[in-house]
Amino acid sequence: MPPTDPAAVIELRRYRLRPRRRDELIELFDRELVESQEETGMIVLGQFRDLDDPDHFVWLRGFRDMAARHRALTAFYGGPVWARHGPQANDTMIDSDDVLLLRPASAGIGFAVSSSSRPQIGAPAPDRFVATTVWSFPPGRHEGIALIRDGLLPVLLDTGPAPLALLITEPAHNTFPRLPVRTGENVAAIFTSYPDESAHQRHLTDIQAHPLTREEILPGIKREQTAAPQILRLTPTGRSLIS
């Protein structure tokens, strides 16, 4: 995927790993599984440590469209790099099926990154904090997503750093069943980045104190959601484009 092409289909992947093997997977991933995936036509957007679980690895990759996704996954998982390094990667994992298939909620609010700016192998992890909030809504209902897109997103822009992306469920059928994705989902996910977690907490305080969010937007989202939002507290690895 050329760096100027935005990813229109994005996988948010959460892996549960065997105890104390996350750094092993990250070292292998950042050394062997970044450029080799991108050579097939995808872009590796971000790789993260989950601060709330030392045995979870979170990452995102993007594709131009669903057809490009099928071609890229077929080429990579049927190719020599995965044949060589896949067994070691899989050996670190207990579960790799927690995957959301997503797309930008509208034009201009997807990830604006370029693989040409990726740090080199061995680069130190940046001193950044990435927060991901995932809301779940009933299938077929769009009111909650509209409140996030048209109400919460402008408040985020007014009170702190611009969100990196707002993604929603990609409804297309998974055409690469070798890699399962969660079905029956209707989610919205906002990704934000900060110098540290305290900056994130200050931003949350400002959002919650904003009259519009306090009195209208957050209560409206709460009425629509099927469960409390899931919040991922993440730190990027040294080669993550998202940081």
C-alpha atoms as a PDB file:
ATOM      1  CA  MET A   1       0.000   0.000   0.000  1.00  0.00           C
ATOM      2  CA  PRO A   2       1.595   3.326  -1.021  1.00  0.00           C
ATOM      3  CA  PRO A   3       2.078   5.673   1.952  1.00  0.00           C
ATOM      4  CA  THR A   4      -0.263   8.254   0.437  1.00  0.00           C
ATOM      5  CA  ASP A   5      -3.204   5.830   0.399  1.00  0.00           C
ATOM      6  CA  PRO A   6      -5.263   5.925   3.625  1.00  0.00           C
ATOM      7  CA  ALA A   7      -6.254   2.597   5.098  1.00  0.00           C
ATOM      8  CA  ALA A   8      -9.965   2.116   4.460  1.00  0.00           C
ATOM      9  CA  VAL A   9     -10.116  -1.266   6.242  1.00  0.00           C
ATOM     10  CA  ILE A  10      -8.341  -1.717   9.570  1.00  0.00           C
ATOM     11  CA  GLU A  11      -7.881  -4.658  11.901  1.00  0.00           C
ATOM     12  CA  LEU A  12      -7.600  -3.998  15.647  1.00  0.00           C
ATOM     13  CA  ARG A  13      -5.936  -7.149  16.948  1.00  0.00           C
ATOM     14  CA  ARG A  14      -5.515  -8.101  20.638  1.00  0.00           C
ATOM     15  CA  TYR A  15      -3.421 -11.163  21.438  1.00  0.00           C
ATOM     16  CA  ARG A  16      -3.355 -12.985  24.748  1.00  0.00           C
ATOM     17  CA  LEU A  17       0.144 -14.376  25.148  1.00  0.00           C
ATOM     18  CA  ARG A  18       1.866 -16.999  27.210  1.00  0.00           C
ATOM     19  CA  PRO A  19       3.259 -15.550  30.439  1.00  0.00           C
ATOM     20  CA  ARG A  20       6.357 -13.349  30.111  1.00  0.00           C
ATOM     21  CA  ARG A  21       6.697 -13.789  26.329  1.00  0.00           C
ATOM     22  CA  ARG A  22       5.444 -10.409  25.101  1.00  0.00           C
ATOM     23  CA  ASP A  23       8.900  -8.915  24.620  1.00  0.00           C
ATOM     24  CA  GLU A  24       9.935 -11.993  22.644  1.00  0.00           C
ATOM     25  CA  LEU A  25       6.991 -11.522  20.267  1.00  0.00           C
ATOM     26  CA  ILE A  26       7.587  -7.775  19.931  1.00  0.00           C
ATOM     27  CA  GLU A  27      11.257  -8.286  19.095  1.00  0.00           C
ATOM     28  CA  LEU A  28      10.388 -10.887  16.455  1.00  0.00           C
ATOM     29  CA  PHE A  29       7.495  -8.829  15.105  1.00  0.00           C
ATOM     30  CA  ASP A  30       9.418  -5.579  14.766  1.00  0.00           C
ATOM     31  CA  ARG A  31      12.422  -7.328  13.213  1.00  0.00           C
ATOM     32  CA  GLU A  32      10.772  -9.779  10.795  1.00  0.00           C
ATOM     33  CA  LEU A  33       7.040  -9.099  10.402  1.00  0.00           C
ATOM     34  CA  VAL A  34       6.698  -5.426   9.501  1.00  0.00           C
ATOM     35  CA  GLU A  35       8.228  -4.835   6.075  1.00  0.00           C
ATOM     36  CA  SER A  36       7.420  -8.404   5.053  1.00  0.00           C
ATOM     37  CA  GLN A  37       3.702  -7.730   5.571  1.00  0.00           C
ATOM     38  CA  GLU A  38       3.836  -4.349   3.882  1.00  0.00           C
ATOM     39  CA  GLU A  39       5.473  -5.866   0.806  1.00  0.00           C
ATOM     40  CA  THR A  40       2.186  -7.706   0.181  1.00  0.00           C
ATOM     41  CA  GLY A  41       0.141  -4.475   0.073  1.00  0.00           C
ATOM     42  CA  MET A  42      -0.926  -3.752   3.654  1.00  0.00           C
ATOM     43  CA  ILE A  43       0.409  -1.254   6.194  1.00  0.00           C
ATOM     44  CA  VAL A  44       1.367  -2.108   9.781  1.00  0.00           C
ATOM     45  CA  LEU A  45      -0.055   0.891  11.618  1.00  0.00           C
ATOM     46  CA  GLY A  46       0.811   0.324  15.251  1.00  0.00           C
ATOM     47  CA  GLN A  47       2.195  -2.150  17.776  1.00  0.00           C
ATOM     48  CA  PHE A  48       1.592  -1.713  21.501  1.00  0.00           C
ATOM     49  CA  ARG A  49       2.110  -3.053  24.997  1.00  0.00           C
ATOM     50  CA  ASP A  50      -1.107  -3.150  27.035  1.00  0.00           C
ATOM     51  CA  LEU A  51      -0.393  -1.422  30.351  1.00  0.00           C
ATOM     52  CA  ASP A  52      -3.196  -3.310  32.086  1.00  0.00           C
ATOM     53  CA  ASP A  53      -1.987  -6.781  31.164  1.00  0.00           C
ATOM     54  CA  PRO A  54       1.692  -7.748  30.742  1.00  0.00           C
ATOM     55  CA  ASP A  55       0.656 -10.699  28.594  1.00  0.00           C
ATOM     56  CA  HIS A  56      -1.355  -8.776  25.995  1.00  0.00           C
ATOM     57  CA  PHE A  57      -0.029  -7.452  22.679  1.00  0.00           C
ATOM     58  CA  VAL A  58      -2.182  -5.038  20.651  1.00  0.00           C
ATOM     59  CA  TRP A  59      -1.616  -4.043  17.053  1.00  0.00           C
ATOM     60  CA  LEU A  60      -3.320  -2.576  13.996  1.00  0.00           C
ATOM     61  CA  ARG A  61      -2.860  -3.066  10.291  1.00  0.00           C
ATOM     62  CA  GLY A  62      -4.622  -1.451   7.376  1.00  0.00           C
ATOM     63  CA  PHE A  63      -5.669  -2.235   3.821  1.00  0.00           C
ATOM     64  CA  ARG A  64      -6.916  -0.200   0.875  1.00  0.00           C
ATOM     65  CA  ASP A  65     -10.160  -2.193   0.708  1.00  0.00           C
ATOM     66  CA  MET A  66     -11.518  -5.680   1.386  1.00  0.00           C
ATOM     67  CA  ALA A  67     -10.236  -7.081  -1.909  1.00  0.00           C
ATOM     68  CA  ALA A  68      -6.744  -5.782  -1.138  1.00  0.00           C
ATOM     69  CA  ARG A  69      -7.015  -7.320   2.329  1.00  0.00           C
ATOM     70  CA  HIS A  70      -7.740 -10.750   0.872  1.00  0.00           C
ATOM     71  CA  ARG A  71      -4.836 -10.511  -1.570  1.00  0.00           C
ATOM     72  CA  ALA A  72      -2.379  -9.287   1.047  1.00  0.00           C
ATOM     73  CA  LEU A  73      -3.307 -11.852   3.706  1.00  0.00           C
ATOM     74  CA  THR A  74      -3.237 -14.677   1.177  1.00  0.00           C
ATOM     75  CA  ALA A  75       0.216 -13.628  -0.004  1.00  0.00           C
ATOM     76  CA  PHE A  76       1.691 -13.108   3.453  1.00  0.00           C
ATOM     77  CA  TYR A  77       0.322 -16.172   5.267  1.00  0.00           C
ATOM     78  CA  GLY A  78       1.083 -18.347   2.266  1.00  0.00           C
ATOM     79  CA  GLY A  79       4.551 -16.907   1.836  1.00  0.00           C
ATOM     80  CA  PRO A  80       8.060 -17.772   2.975  1.00  0.00           C
ATOM     81  CA  VAL A  81       8.417 -15.231   5.798  1.00  0.00           C
ATOM     82  CA  TRP A  82       5.423 -16.547   7.734  1.00  0.00           C
ATOM     83  CA  ALA A  83       6.492 -20.121   7.016  1.00  0.00           C
ATOM     84  CA  ARG A  84       9.841 -19.294   8.607  1.00  0.00           C
ATOM     85  CA  HIS A  85       8.769 -17.133  11.554  1.00  0.00           C
ATOM     86  CA  GLY A  86       5.087 -17.969  12.066  1.00  0.00           C
ATOM     87  CA  PRO A  87       5.700 -21.022  14.268  1.00  0.00           C
ATOM     88  CA  GLN A  88       7.763 -18.985  16.739  1.00  0.00           C
ATOM     89  CA  ALA A  89       5.205 -16.174  16.765  1.00  0.00           C
ATOM     90  CA  ASN A  90       2.302 -18.574  17.264  1.00  0.00           C
ATOM     91  CA  ASP A  91       4.137 -20.311  20.075  1.00  0.00           C
ATOM     92  CA  THR A  92       3.995 -17.108  22.143  1.00  0.00           C
ATOM     93  CA  MET A  93       0.194 -16.889  21.824  1.00  0.00           C
ATOM     94  CA  ILE A  94      -2.721 -18.371  23.730  1.00  0.00           C
ATOM     95  CA  ASP A  95      -5.456 -16.555  21.764  1.00  0.00           C
ATOM     96  CA  SER A  96      -5.200 -14.405  18.631  1.00  0.00           C
ATOM     97  CA  ASP A  97      -8.901 -14.279  17.680  1.00  0.00           C
ATOM     98  CA  ASP A  98      -9.884 -11.044  19.477  1.00  0.00           C
ATOM     99  CA  VAL A  99     -10.030  -8.986  16.284  1.00  0.00           C
ATOM    100  CA  LEU A 100     -12.283  -6.112  15.238  1.00  0.00           C
ATOM    101  CA  LEU A 101     -12.664  -5.292  11.554  1.00  0.00           C
ATOM    102  CA  LEU A 102     -13.041  -1.506  11.301  1.00  0.00           C
ATOM    103  CA  ARG A 103     -13.131   1.449   8.924  1.00  0.00           C
ATOM    104  CA  PRO A 104     -12.899   5.231   9.343  1.00  0.00           C
ATOM    105  CA  ALA A 105     -16.225   6.703  10.448  1.00  0.00           C
ATOM    106  CA  SER A 106     -15.993   9.265   7.652  1.00  0.00           C
ATOM    107  CA  ALA A 107     -13.425  10.809   5.345  1.00  0.00           C
ATOM    108  CA  GLY A 108     -10.531  12.524   7.084  1.00  0.00           C
ATOM    109  CA  ILE A 109     -10.766  10.788  10.477  1.00  0.00           C
ATOM    110  CA  GLY A 110      -8.677   7.698   9.781  1.00  0.00           C
ATOM    111  CA  PHE A 111      -4.992   7.214  10.566  1.00  0.00           C
ATOM    112  CA  ALA A 112      -2.745   9.666   8.705  1.00  0.00           C
ATOM    113  CA  VAL A 113       0.597   7.837   8.828  1.00  0.00           C
ATOM    114  CA  SER A 114       3.237   6.834   6.301  1.00  0.00           C
ATOM    115  CA  SER A 115       5.458   3.763   6.391  1.00  0.00           C
ATOM    116  CA  SER A 116       8.295   5.961   5.114  1.00  0.00           C
ATOM    117  CA  SER A 117       8.525   7.509   8.593  1.00  0.00           C
ATOM    118  CA  ARG A 118       8.859   4.202  10.426  1.00  0.00           C
ATOM    119  CA  PRO A 119      11.781   4.014  12.897  1.00  0.00           C
ATOM    120  CA  GLN A 120      14.549   1.550  12.177  1.00  0.00           C
ATOM    121  CA  ILE A 121      14.867  -1.891  13.751  1.00  0.00           C
ATOM    122  CA  GLY A 122      16.118  -1.526  17.318  1.00  0.00           C
ATOM    123  CA  ALA A 123      14.735   1.990  17.808  1.00  0.00           C
ATOM    124  CA  PRO A 124      13.773   2.727  21.427  1.00  0.00           C
ATOM    125  CA  ALA A 125      10.102   2.871  22.318  1.00  0.00           C
ATOM    126  CA  PRO A 126       8.803   6.459  22.210  1.00  0.00           C
ATOM    127  CA  ASP A 127       7.765   8.069  25.451  1.00  0.00           C
ATOM    128  CA  ARG A 128       4.092   8.291  24.480  1.00  0.00           C
ATOM    129  CA  PHE A 129       0.736   7.086  25.800  1.00  0.00           C
ATOM    130  CA  VAL A 130      -2.032   5.948  23.434  1.00  0.00           C
ATOM    131  CA  ALA A 131      -5.602   5.559  24.668  1.00  0.00           C
ATOM    132  CA  THR A 132      -8.204   3.571  22.761  1.00  0.00           C
ATOM    133  CA  THR A 133     -11.855   3.685  23.808  1.00  0.00           C
ATOM    134  CA  VAL A 134     -14.225   1.174  22.225  1.00  0.00           C
ATOM    135  CA  TRP A 135     -17.998   1.582  22.596  1.00  0.00           C
ATOM    136  CA  SER A 136     -20.406  -1.220  21.693  1.00  0.00           C
ATOM    137  CA  PHE A 137     -23.936  -0.611  20.410  1.00  0.00           C
ATOM    138  CA  PRO A 138     -26.795  -2.851  19.300  1.00  0.00           C
ATOM    139  CA  PRO A 139     -26.431  -4.165  15.741  1.00  0.00           C
ATOM    140  CA  GLY A 140     -28.134  -1.919  13.223  1.00  0.00           C
ATOM    141  CA  ARG A 141     -28.415   1.097  15.533  1.00  0.00           C
ATOM    142  CA  HIS A 142     -26.455   4.218  14.585  1.00  0.00           C
ATOM    143  CA  GLU A 143     -27.549   6.771  17.173  1.00  0.00           C
ATOM    144  CA  GLY A 144     -24.652   6.125  19.551  1.00  0.00           C
ATOM    145  CA  ILE A 145     -22.076   6.296  16.785  1.00  0.00           C
ATOM    146  CA  ALA A 146     -23.612   9.557  15.536  1.00  0.00           C
ATOM    147  CA  LEU A 147     -23.318  11.031  19.037  1.00  0.00           C
ATOM    148  CA  ILE A 148     -19.630  10.122  19.135  1.00  0.00           C
ATOM    149  CA  ARG A 149     -18.895  11.370  15.624  1.00  0.00           C
ATOM    150  CA  ASP A 150     -20.957  14.557  15.674  1.00  0.00           C
ATOM    151  CA  GLY A 151     -20.914  15.400  19.386  1.00  0.00           C
ATOM    152  CA  LEU A 152     -17.993  13.905  21.285  1.00  0.00           C
ATOM    153  CA  LEU A 153     -15.384  14.234  18.543  1.00  0.00           C
ATOM    154  CA  PRO A 154     -15.749  18.053  18.258  1.00  0.00           C
ATOM    155  CA  VAL A 155     -15.434  18.357  22.052  1.00  0.00           C
ATOM    156  CA  LEU A 156     -12.264  16.276  21.959  1.00  0.00           C
ATOM    157  CA  LEU A 157     -10.866  18.648  19.348  1.00  0.00           C
ATOM    158  CA  ASP A 158     -11.815  21.696  21.427  1.00  0.00           C
ATOM    159  CA  THR A 159     -10.351  20.465  24.711  1.00  0.00           C
ATOM    160  CA  GLY A 160      -7.135  18.639  23.813  1.00  0.00           C
ATOM    161  CA  PRO A 161      -4.997  17.034  21.124  1.00  0.00           C
ATOM    162  CA  ALA A 162      -6.783  15.935  17.981  1.00  0.00           C
ATOM    163  CA  PRO A 163      -7.759  12.257  18.014  1.00  0.00           C
ATOM    164  CA  LEU A 164      -5.662  10.033  15.783  1.00  0.00           C
ATOM    165  CA  ALA A 165      -8.735   8.311  14.349  1.00  0.00           C
ATOM    166  CA  LEU A 166     -12.387   7.464  14.832  1.00  0.00           C
ATOM    167  CA  LEU A 167     -13.175   4.001  13.507  1.00  0.00           C
ATOM    168  CA  ILE A 168     -16.419   2.050  13.286  1.00  0.00           C
ATOM    169  CA  THR A 169     -17.285  -1.530  12.397  1.00  0.00           C
ATOM    170  CA  GLU A 170     -16.580  -2.608   8.831  1.00  0.00           C
ATOM    171  CA  PRO A 171     -19.707  -4.646   8.013  1.00  0.00           C
ATOM    172  CA  ALA A 172     -18.227  -6.606   5.095  1.00  0.00           C
ATOM    173  CA  HIS A 173     -17.973 -10.373   5.375  1.00  0.00           C
ATOM    174  CA  ASN A 174     -14.569 -11.698   6.450  1.00  0.00           C
ATOM    175  CA  THR A 175     -13.211 -13.194   3.224  1.00  0.00           C
ATOM    176  CA  PHE A 176     -10.115 -14.649   4.898  1.00  0.00           C
ATOM    177  CA  PRO A 177     -11.612 -17.132   7.389  1.00  0.00           C
ATOM    178  CA  ARG A 178      -8.192 -18.511   8.318  1.00  0.00           C
ATOM    179  CA  LEU A 179      -7.998 -15.405  10.531  1.00  0.00           C
ATOM    180  CA  PRO A 180     -11.303 -15.022  12.420  1.00  0.00           C
ATOM    181  CA  VAL A 181     -12.779 -11.649  13.354  1.00  0.00           C
ATOM    182  CA  ARG A 182     -15.489 -10.850  15.863  1.00  0.00           C
ATOM    183  CA  THR A 183     -18.911 -10.988  14.223  1.00  0.00           C
ATOM    184  CA  GLY A 184     -22.176  -9.281  15.132  1.00  0.00           C
ATOM    185  CA  GLU A 185     -20.323  -6.186  16.325  1.00  0.00           C
ATOM    186  CA  ASN A 186     -21.368  -2.545  16.058  1.00  0.00           C
ATOM    187  CA  VAL A 187     -18.604  -0.483  17.636  1.00  0.00           C
ATOM    188  CA  ALA A 188     -16.975   2.918  17.552  1.00  0.00           C
ATOM    189  CA  ALA A 189     -13.340   3.315  18.585  1.00  0.00           C
ATOM    190  CA  ILE A 190     -11.483   6.553  19.246  1.00  0.00           C
ATOM    191  CA  PHE A 191      -7.671   6.569  19.329  1.00  0.00           C
ATOM    192  CA  THR A 192      -5.848   9.442  21.063  1.00  0.00           C
ATOM    193  CA  SER A 193      -2.178  10.082  21.853  1.00  0.00           C
ATOM    194  CA  TYR A 194      -0.533  12.006  24.687  1.00  0.00           C
ATOM    195  CA  PRO A 195       2.948  12.716  26.077  1.00  0.00           C
ATOM    196  CA  ASP A 196       2.033  10.651  29.136  1.00  0.00           C
ATOM    197  CA  GLU A 197      -0.938   9.220  30.989  1.00  0.00           C
ATOM    198  CA  SER A 198      -1.358  12.278  33.205  1.00  0.00           C
ATOM    199  CA  ALA A 199      -2.018  14.384  30.102  1.00  0.00           C
ATOM    200  CA  HIS A 200      -4.696  11.873  29.116  1.00  0.00           C
ATOM    201  CA  GLN A 201      -6.310  12.109  32.540  1.00  0.00           C
ATOM    202  CA  ARG A 202      -6.372  15.907  32.357  1.00  0.00           C
ATOM    203  CA  HIS A 203      -8.032  15.715  28.964  1.00  0.00           C
ATOM    204  CA  LEU A 204     -10.661  13.302  30.307  1.00  0.00           C
ATOM    205  CA  THR A 205     -11.399  15.698  33.159  1.00  0.00           C
ATOM    206  CA  ASP A 206     -11.878  18.580  30.723  1.00  0.00           C
ATOM    207  CA  ILE A 207     -14.166  16.483  28.510  1.00  0.00           C
ATOM    208  CA  GLN A 208     -16.318  15.361  31.427  1.00  0.00           C
ATOM    209  CA  ALA A 209     -16.582  18.936  32.722  1.00  0.00           C
ATOM    210  CA  HIS A 210     -17.677  20.302  29.347  1.00  0.00           C
ATOM    211  CA  PRO A 211     -21.392  21.223  29.663  1.00  0.00           C
ATOM    212  CA  LEU A 212     -22.400  19.662  26.352  1.00  0.00           C
ATOM    213  CA  THR A 213     -20.740  16.311  27.038  1.00  0.00           C
ATOM    214  CA  ARG A 214     -21.804  16.234  30.685  1.00  0.00           C
ATOM    215  CA  GLU A 215     -25.448  17.051  30.065  1.00  0.00           C
ATOM    216  CA  GLU A 216     -26.183  15.621  26.620  1.00  0.00           C
ATOM    217  CA  ILE A 217     -23.517  13.649  24.781  1.00  0.00           C
ATOM    218  CA  LEU A 218     -22.252  11.230  27.433  1.00  0.00           C
ATOM    219  CA  PRO A 219     -25.743  10.463  28.827  1.00  0.00           C
ATOM    220  CA  GLY A 220     -26.953   9.867  25.264  1.00  0.00           C
ATOM    221  CA  ILE A 221     -24.098   7.494  24.493  1.00  0.00           C
ATOM    222  CA  LYS A 222     -24.709   5.654  27.755  1.00  0.00           C
ATOM    223  CA  ARG A 223     -28.364   5.116  26.852  1.00  0.00           C
ATOM    224  CA  GLU A 224     -27.377   3.576  23.521  1.00  0.00           C
ATOM    225  CA  GLN A 225     -24.449   1.393  24.541  1.00  0.00           C
ATOM    226  CA  THR A 226     -24.781  -2.301  25.324  1.00  0.00           C
ATOM    227  CA  ALA A 227     -21.917  -2.321  27.869  1.00  0.00           C
ATOM    228  CA  ALA A 228     -19.464   0.022  29.491  1.00  0.00           C
ATOM    229  CA  PRO A 229     -16.814   1.197  27.017  1.00  0.00           C
ATOM    230  CA  GLN A 230     -13.590  -0.746  26.861  1.00  0.00           C
ATOM    231  CA  ILE A 231     -10.512   1.407  27.447  1.00  0.00           C
ATOM    232  CA  LEU A 232      -7.090   0.225  26.287  1.00  0.00           C
ATOM    233  CA  ARG A 233      -4.082   1.934  27.894  1.00  0.00           C
ATOM    234  CA  LEU A 234      -1.224   1.412  25.468  1.00  0.00           C
ATOM    235  CA  THR A 235       2.427   2.256  24.944  1.00  0.00           C
ATOM    236  CA  PRO A 236       3.870   1.974  21.410  1.00  0.00           C
ATOM    237  CA  THR A 237       6.818  -0.197  20.519  1.00  0.00           C
ATOM    238  CA  GLY A 238       9.907   1.286  18.918  1.00  0.00           C
ATOM    239  CA  ARG A 239       8.703   0.724  15.342  1.00  0.00           C
ATOM    240  CA  SER A 240       5.047   1.709  15.729  1.00  0.00           C
ATOM    241  CA  LEU A 241       3.851   4.360  13.277  1.00  0.00           C
ATOM    242  CA  ILE A 242       1.089   5.304  15.716  1.00  0.00           C
ATOM    243  CA  SER A 243       2.561   6.913  18.815  1.00  0.00           C
END
